[in-house]
Amino acid sequence: MAKLTLVPGAKPTPLARLVDDYLAHCQAKNLSPNTIKNAYGYPLRGILLPFAEAQGITEVSGLDNRVLDRLSAQLLREGNVRGRLSEHSVHAYARAINHFLSWARKEGEQVGGKAQLPKLPQRLIDILSREEIESLEDAARTERDKLIVRLLADTGIRVGELVGLRTGSLLQRDRQYFLKVRGKGDKERLVPVSPAFYRRLAKYAERGRPRDAAGDRLFMALKRRPGGDYEPLTSSGVEQLIRNLGVVAGLSKRVHPHLFRHSAATWMLRRGMNPMLVAQILGHESLQMIQRVYAHLTPGDSYDAMLKVLQEP
């Protein structure tokens, strides 16, 4: 079977116009441009529409279960124009198509099909131990780098959220300490931090940043740009920093910022935190990621948790 391709210059079908309306709906919801382009735009415009055209389908009503099954089967068997696809990629594409179909149904369209989500192989998510995190912090040479390691490890915030922190992101309410984090979809949330770590961050914000740094970003690059000014630290800069620290610390595993996120979630859950609170701190709207984290907790974790329950009066 031929790879899926777009036909240039083709007249938009009612299905294609409906896809455009749905993507406009996503924009109206203020989803990030990357989310619209990659999570919804490509699965619909680059996968679904070319397949529908090859099948002679021009209306959303033609996407019944058998047609969608053929699409998933083709993707699993042949991939797309980019090459072979993993079960996880096909799963993500099918999920995006189902979101579109659900929206179309609510808009009054005649929708009779639903894409099956391929069964995914269970993967164990690698994490950093607390000892490995300490070795990474010890390997950092500057207070800025040590704070970045500890911040990623203790809060599990995303690297994009970290570089977006500002000096005014540190909040104190009574005797509680938080970071105001701007996450996906431009949504803000408060992430708790310990009093001792808050004081370290506050001290760095006041006296640790380059004194002549323009703007109020909390973390700045250490080198000046050609014009003489310091630039805000970027996501790629943090990724390079963490990768280098892993080498200096002598860790055998590949170390990257998202590894801290999985590690923080695991640590919170093993310490008995409510999964809903973990999801809230990490900025998730559902428990899907938390459920994936549970998959790599050991039988000893469930045993210890059960004993705590049984010992309660």
Protein backbone atom coordinates (compact mmCIF):
# COMPACT_ATOMS: atom_id res chain seq x y z
CA MET A 1 0.00 0.00 0.00
CA ALA A 2 1.36 3.45 -0.89
CA LYS A 3 2.59 5.83 1.76
CA LEU A 4 0.22 8.56 2.84
CA THR A 5 0.83 11.79 0.91
CA LEU A 6 -0.85 15.12 0.51
CA VAL A 7 -2.13 15.99 -2.98
CA PRO A 8 -1.12 19.61 -3.75
CA GLY A 9 -3.74 21.86 -5.29
CA ALA A 10 -6.66 19.58 -4.42
CA LYS A 11 -9.99 21.33 -3.86
CA PRO A 12 -10.93 21.23 -0.15
CA THR A 13 -13.56 18.64 0.63
CA PRO A 14 -16.24 19.09 3.29
CA LEU A 15 -14.08 16.89 5.52
CA ALA A 16 -11.05 19.12 4.95
CA ARG A 17 -13.07 22.23 5.75
CA LEU A 18 -14.32 20.57 8.92
CA VAL A 19 -10.71 19.85 9.92
CA ASP A 20 -9.89 23.52 9.37
CA ASP A 21 -12.84 24.51 11.57
CA TYR A 22 -11.64 22.17 14.29
CA LEU A 23 -8.11 23.59 14.22
CA ALA A 24 -9.59 27.08 14.44
CA HIS A 25 -11.52 25.81 17.48
CA CYS A 26 -8.20 24.69 19.01
CA GLN A 27 -6.74 28.14 18.36
CA ALA A 28 -9.77 29.75 20.00
CA LYS A 29 -9.08 27.62 23.08
CA ASN A 30 -5.63 29.27 23.17
CA LEU A 31 -3.72 26.03 22.77
CA SER A 32 -0.05 26.57 22.05
CA PRO A 33 0.98 26.81 18.37
CA ASN A 34 3.22 23.75 18.76
CA THR A 35 0.36 21.71 20.20
CA ILE A 36 -1.97 22.71 17.38
CA LYS A 37 0.64 22.04 14.71
CA ASN A 38 2.08 18.76 15.99
CA ALA A 39 -0.57 17.17 18.21
CA TYR A 40 -3.59 17.95 16.02
CA GLY A 41 -2.60 19.57 12.73
CA TYR A 42 -0.28 16.87 11.45
CA PRO A 43 -2.44 13.84 12.44
CA LEU A 44 -5.46 15.42 10.75
CA ARG A 45 -3.97 17.19 7.72
CA GLY A 46 -0.98 14.96 7.18
CA ILE A 47 -2.49 11.57 8.07
CA LEU A 48 -6.29 11.53 8.07
CA LEU A 49 -7.06 13.73 5.04
CA PRO A 50 -4.65 12.02 2.60
CA PHE A 51 -5.97 8.61 3.68
CA ALA A 52 -9.59 9.75 3.31
CA GLU A 53 -8.86 11.13 -0.15
CA ALA A 54 -7.25 7.85 -1.21
CA GLN A 55 -10.39 6.06 -0.01
CA GLY A 56 -12.71 8.47 -1.83
CA ILE A 57 -14.13 9.79 1.43
CA THR A 58 -15.11 13.47 1.42
CA GLU A 59 -17.51 13.65 4.38
CA VAL A 60 -16.90 12.95 8.06
CA SER A 61 -19.84 10.53 7.97
CA GLY A 62 -17.71 8.24 5.79
CA LEU A 63 -15.25 7.67 8.63
CA ASP A 64 -16.85 4.60 10.13
CA ASN A 65 -15.10 2.06 12.37
CA ARG A 66 -13.96 -0.13 9.48
CA VAL A 67 -12.37 2.78 7.64
CA LEU A 68 -10.58 3.97 10.76
CA ASP A 69 -9.41 0.43 11.49
CA ARG A 70 -7.87 0.30 8.01
CA LEU A 71 -6.09 3.58 8.68
CA SER A 72 -4.60 2.36 11.97
CA ALA A 73 -3.62 -0.96 10.41
CA GLN A 74 -1.87 0.80 7.53
CA LEU A 75 0.02 3.08 9.88
CA LEU A 76 1.16 0.17 12.04
CA ARG A 77 2.15 -1.87 9.01
CA GLU A 78 3.65 0.72 6.66
CA GLY A 79 4.18 3.92 8.60
CA ASN A 80 3.87 7.25 6.79
CA VAL A 81 5.98 9.46 4.56
CA ARG A 82 8.37 9.98 7.48
CA GLY A 83 9.07 6.27 7.82
CA ARG A 84 8.14 3.53 10.25
CA LEU A 85 5.91 4.42 13.19
CA SER A 86 5.93 3.08 16.72
CA GLU A 87 2.77 1.96 18.48
CA HIS A 88 3.04 5.10 20.59
CA SER A 89 2.98 7.35 17.50
CA VAL A 90 -0.04 5.56 16.00
CA HIS A 91 -1.74 5.74 19.39
CA ALA A 92 -1.17 9.52 19.50
CA TYR A 93 -2.49 9.97 15.94
CA ALA A 94 -5.61 7.90 16.65
CA ARG A 95 -6.23 9.86 19.84
CA ALA A 96 -6.02 13.16 17.94
CA ILE A 97 -8.48 11.84 15.33
CA ASN A 98 -10.90 10.82 18.07
CA HIS A 99 -10.71 14.29 19.62
CA PHE A 100 -11.64 15.72 16.23
CA LEU A 101 -14.52 13.26 15.76
CA SER A 102 -15.84 13.97 19.25
CA TRP A 103 -15.85 17.70 18.52
CA ALA A 104 -17.57 17.15 15.16
CA ARG A 105 -20.26 15.03 16.83
CA LYS A 106 -20.94 17.82 19.36
CA GLU A 107 -21.23 20.25 16.44
CA GLY A 108 -24.08 18.18 15.02
CA GLU A 109 -22.14 16.28 12.33
CA GLN A 110 -23.08 12.71 11.48
CA VAL A 111 -20.17 10.84 13.04
CA GLY A 112 -20.43 7.09 13.35
CA GLY A 113 -16.86 5.93 13.81
CA LYS A 114 -14.16 5.96 16.43
CA ALA A 115 -10.50 5.06 15.94
CA GLN A 116 -9.22 2.17 17.98
CA LEU A 117 -6.22 3.02 20.15
CA PRO A 118 -3.47 0.43 19.61
CA LYS A 119 -2.46 -1.48 22.68
CA LEU A 120 0.81 -0.07 23.94
CA PRO A 121 3.68 -2.12 25.31
CA GLN A 122 4.25 -1.32 28.96
CA ARG A 123 7.46 0.60 29.40
CA LEU A 124 9.38 1.08 32.61
CA ILE A 125 10.25 4.74 33.05
CA ASP A 126 13.80 5.38 34.15
CA ILE A 127 14.31 7.69 37.12
CA LEU A 128 17.11 9.27 39.12
CA SER A 129 17.71 8.16 42.68
CA ARG A 130 18.13 10.81 45.38
CA GLU A 131 21.82 9.85 45.56
CA GLU A 132 22.24 10.44 41.81
CA ILE A 133 20.52 13.81 42.12
CA GLU A 134 22.90 14.78 44.90
CA SER A 135 25.87 13.76 42.77
CA LEU A 136 24.56 15.95 39.94
CA GLU A 137 24.18 18.89 42.29
CA ASP A 138 27.68 18.30 43.66
CA ALA A 139 29.03 18.26 40.08
CA ALA A 140 27.56 21.72 39.41
CA ARG A 141 30.15 24.46 39.80
CA THR A 142 27.90 27.51 40.18
CA GLU A 143 24.99 28.30 42.48
CA ARG A 144 22.84 28.84 39.41
CA ASP A 145 23.48 25.32 38.17
CA LYS A 146 22.99 23.79 41.61
CA LEU A 147 19.64 25.56 41.95
CA ILE A 148 18.54 24.32 38.53
CA VAL A 149 19.32 20.71 39.45
CA ARG A 150 17.53 20.97 42.79
CA LEU A 151 14.57 22.82 41.27
CA LEU A 152 14.01 20.19 38.58
CA ALA A 153 14.45 17.38 41.11
CA ASP A 154 12.19 18.71 43.87
CA THR A 155 9.36 20.21 41.84
CA GLY A 156 9.29 18.24 38.56
CA ILE A 157 8.56 21.40 36.55
CA ARG A 158 9.16 21.32 32.81
CA VAL A 159 12.35 22.79 31.40
CA GLY A 160 10.33 25.40 29.50
CA GLU A 161 8.65 26.40 32.76
CA LEU A 162 12.01 26.67 34.50
CA VAL A 163 13.55 29.05 31.97
CA GLY A 164 10.37 31.14 32.09
CA LEU A 165 10.69 31.83 35.83
CA ARG A 166 11.15 35.45 36.81
CA THR A 167 12.41 37.14 39.93
CA GLY A 168 8.79 37.86 40.80
CA SER A 169 7.84 34.17 40.53
CA LEU A 170 8.79 33.60 44.18
CA LEU A 171 5.72 33.92 46.39
CA GLN A 172 5.30 33.73 50.16
CA ARG A 173 1.88 33.34 51.72
CA ASP A 174 1.89 33.30 55.50
CA ARG A 175 4.45 30.58 56.21
CA GLN A 176 4.01 28.79 52.90
CA TYR A 177 6.39 29.20 49.97
CA PHE A 178 5.62 28.79 46.28
CA LEU A 179 6.85 29.34 42.76
CA LYS A 180 4.35 30.82 40.31
CA VAL A 181 4.86 28.72 37.20
CA ARG A 182 3.43 29.39 33.75
CA GLY A 183 2.76 26.03 32.09
CA LYS A 184 1.18 24.64 28.94
CA GLY A 185 -1.68 26.62 27.50
CA ASP A 186 -0.35 29.71 29.32
CA LYS A 187 -1.90 28.40 32.55
CA GLU A 188 -0.40 29.48 35.86
CA ARG A 189 -0.09 27.28 38.93
CA LEU A 190 1.60 27.50 42.32
CA VAL A 191 4.30 24.92 43.01
CA PRO A 192 5.27 24.48 46.69
CA VAL A 193 8.94 24.59 47.72
CA SER A 194 10.61 24.13 51.08
CA PRO A 195 11.42 27.23 53.18
CA ALA A 196 15.16 26.52 52.99
CA PHE A 197 15.13 26.18 49.21
CA TYR A 198 12.93 29.27 48.87
CA ARG A 199 15.53 31.26 50.79
CA ARG A 200 18.27 29.99 48.46
CA LEU A 201 16.25 31.04 45.43
CA ALA A 202 15.45 34.44 46.94
CA LYS A 203 19.10 35.05 47.76
CA TYR A 204 20.10 34.11 44.22
CA ALA A 205 17.39 36.32 42.72
CA GLU A 206 18.62 39.27 44.77
CA ARG A 207 22.40 38.83 44.60
CA GLY A 208 23.29 35.84 42.42
CA ARG A 209 22.11 36.98 39.00
CA PRO A 210 24.34 39.15 36.79
CA ARG A 211 23.87 42.67 38.14
CA ASP A 212 23.59 44.22 34.71
CA ALA A 213 21.24 41.57 33.32
CA ALA A 214 18.40 43.05 31.31
CA GLY A 215 14.89 41.91 32.19
CA ASP A 216 13.73 39.95 35.20
CA ARG A 217 14.34 36.34 34.17
CA LEU A 218 15.54 34.34 37.15
CA PHE A 219 18.11 32.26 35.28
CA MET A 220 20.45 33.94 32.81
CA ALA A 221 23.13 32.55 30.53
CA LEU A 222 26.62 32.89 32.03
CA LYS A 223 28.22 34.38 28.93
CA ARG A 224 27.51 37.75 27.40
CA ARG A 225 26.24 37.99 23.85
CA PRO A 226 28.18 40.04 21.28
CA GLY A 227 26.31 43.22 22.23
CA GLY A 228 27.53 42.93 25.80
CA ASP A 229 24.24 41.95 27.44
CA TYR A 230 23.36 38.70 29.19
CA GLU A 231 20.65 36.59 27.59
CA PRO A 232 18.00 34.58 29.41
CA LEU A 233 18.88 30.90 29.76
CA THR A 234 17.17 28.77 27.10
CA SER A 235 15.67 25.28 27.22
CA SER A 236 18.49 23.97 25.03
CA GLY A 237 20.98 25.58 27.41
CA VAL A 238 19.46 23.69 30.36
CA GLU A 239 19.45 20.44 28.39
CA GLN A 240 23.13 20.86 27.58
CA LEU A 241 23.91 21.74 31.20
CA ILE A 242 22.15 18.65 32.57
CA ARG A 243 23.76 16.42 29.95
CA ASN A 244 27.23 17.71 30.87
CA LEU A 245 26.58 17.31 34.60
CA GLY A 246 25.62 13.68 34.01
CA VAL A 247 29.00 13.09 32.37
CA VAL A 248 30.93 14.91 35.11
CA ALA A 249 29.04 13.02 37.82
CA GLY A 250 29.90 9.73 36.11
CA LEU A 251 26.32 8.53 35.71
CA SER A 252 25.93 5.66 33.26
CA LYS A 253 22.39 6.65 32.19
CA ARG A 254 21.47 9.43 29.80
CA VAL A 255 20.50 12.41 31.92
CA HIS A 256 18.02 14.98 30.59
CA PRO A 257 15.60 17.47 32.20
CA HIS A 258 12.46 15.35 31.69
CA LEU A 259 14.12 12.53 33.64
CA PHE A 260 13.90 14.78 36.71
CA ARG A 261 10.16 15.16 36.11
CA HIS A 262 9.58 11.41 36.21
CA SER A 263 11.85 11.15 39.24
CA ALA A 264 10.00 13.88 41.14
CA ALA A 265 6.61 12.27 40.43
CA THR A 266 7.90 8.90 41.63
CA TRP A 267 9.41 10.42 44.77
CA MET A 268 6.16 12.22 45.63
CA LEU A 269 4.09 9.07 45.16
CA ARG A 270 6.48 6.91 47.17
CA ARG A 271 6.26 9.43 49.99
CA GLY A 272 2.51 8.93 50.04
CA MET A 273 1.29 12.07 48.25
CA ASN A 274 -2.19 11.91 46.76
CA PRO A 275 -1.89 11.28 42.99
CA MET A 276 -4.34 14.10 42.29
CA LEU A 277 -2.06 16.52 44.14
CA VAL A 278 0.94 15.18 42.24
CA ALA A 279 -0.86 15.83 38.96
CA GLN A 280 -1.76 19.34 40.14
CA ILE A 281 1.84 20.18 41.09
CA LEU A 282 3.16 18.83 37.78
CA GLY A 283 0.57 20.75 35.78
CA HIS A 284 -1.36 17.78 34.38
CA GLU A 285 -5.08 17.98 33.69
CA SER A 286 -5.53 14.21 34.09
CA LEU A 287 -3.97 11.26 35.89
CA GLN A 288 -2.72 9.63 32.67
CA MET A 289 0.94 10.41 33.28
CA ILE A 290 0.62 9.52 36.96
CA GLN A 291 -0.78 6.13 35.98
CA ARG A 292 2.27 5.57 33.78
CA VAL A 293 4.53 6.45 36.70
CA TYR A 294 2.76 3.89 38.90
CA ALA A 295 3.76 1.20 36.39
CA HIS A 296 7.40 1.28 37.42
CA LEU A 297 6.85 1.39 41.19
CA THR A 298 8.10 -1.83 42.73
CA PRO A 299 5.96 -4.47 44.51
CA GLY A 300 7.65 -3.29 47.71
CA ASP A 301 6.06 0.12 47.25
CA SER A 302 2.55 -1.34 47.11
CA TYR A 303 3.35 -3.60 50.08
CA ASP A 304 4.53 -0.66 52.21
CA ALA A 305 1.49 1.41 51.17
CA MET A 306 -0.87 -1.42 52.10
CA LEU A 307 0.76 -1.83 55.50
CA LYS A 308 0.25 1.88 56.18
CA VAL A 309 -3.44 1.51 55.37
CA LEU A 310 -3.84 -1.58 57.56
CA GLN A 311 -2.08 0.09 60.50
CA GLU A 312 -4.40 3.09 60.47
CA PRO A 313 -7.15 2.97 63.15
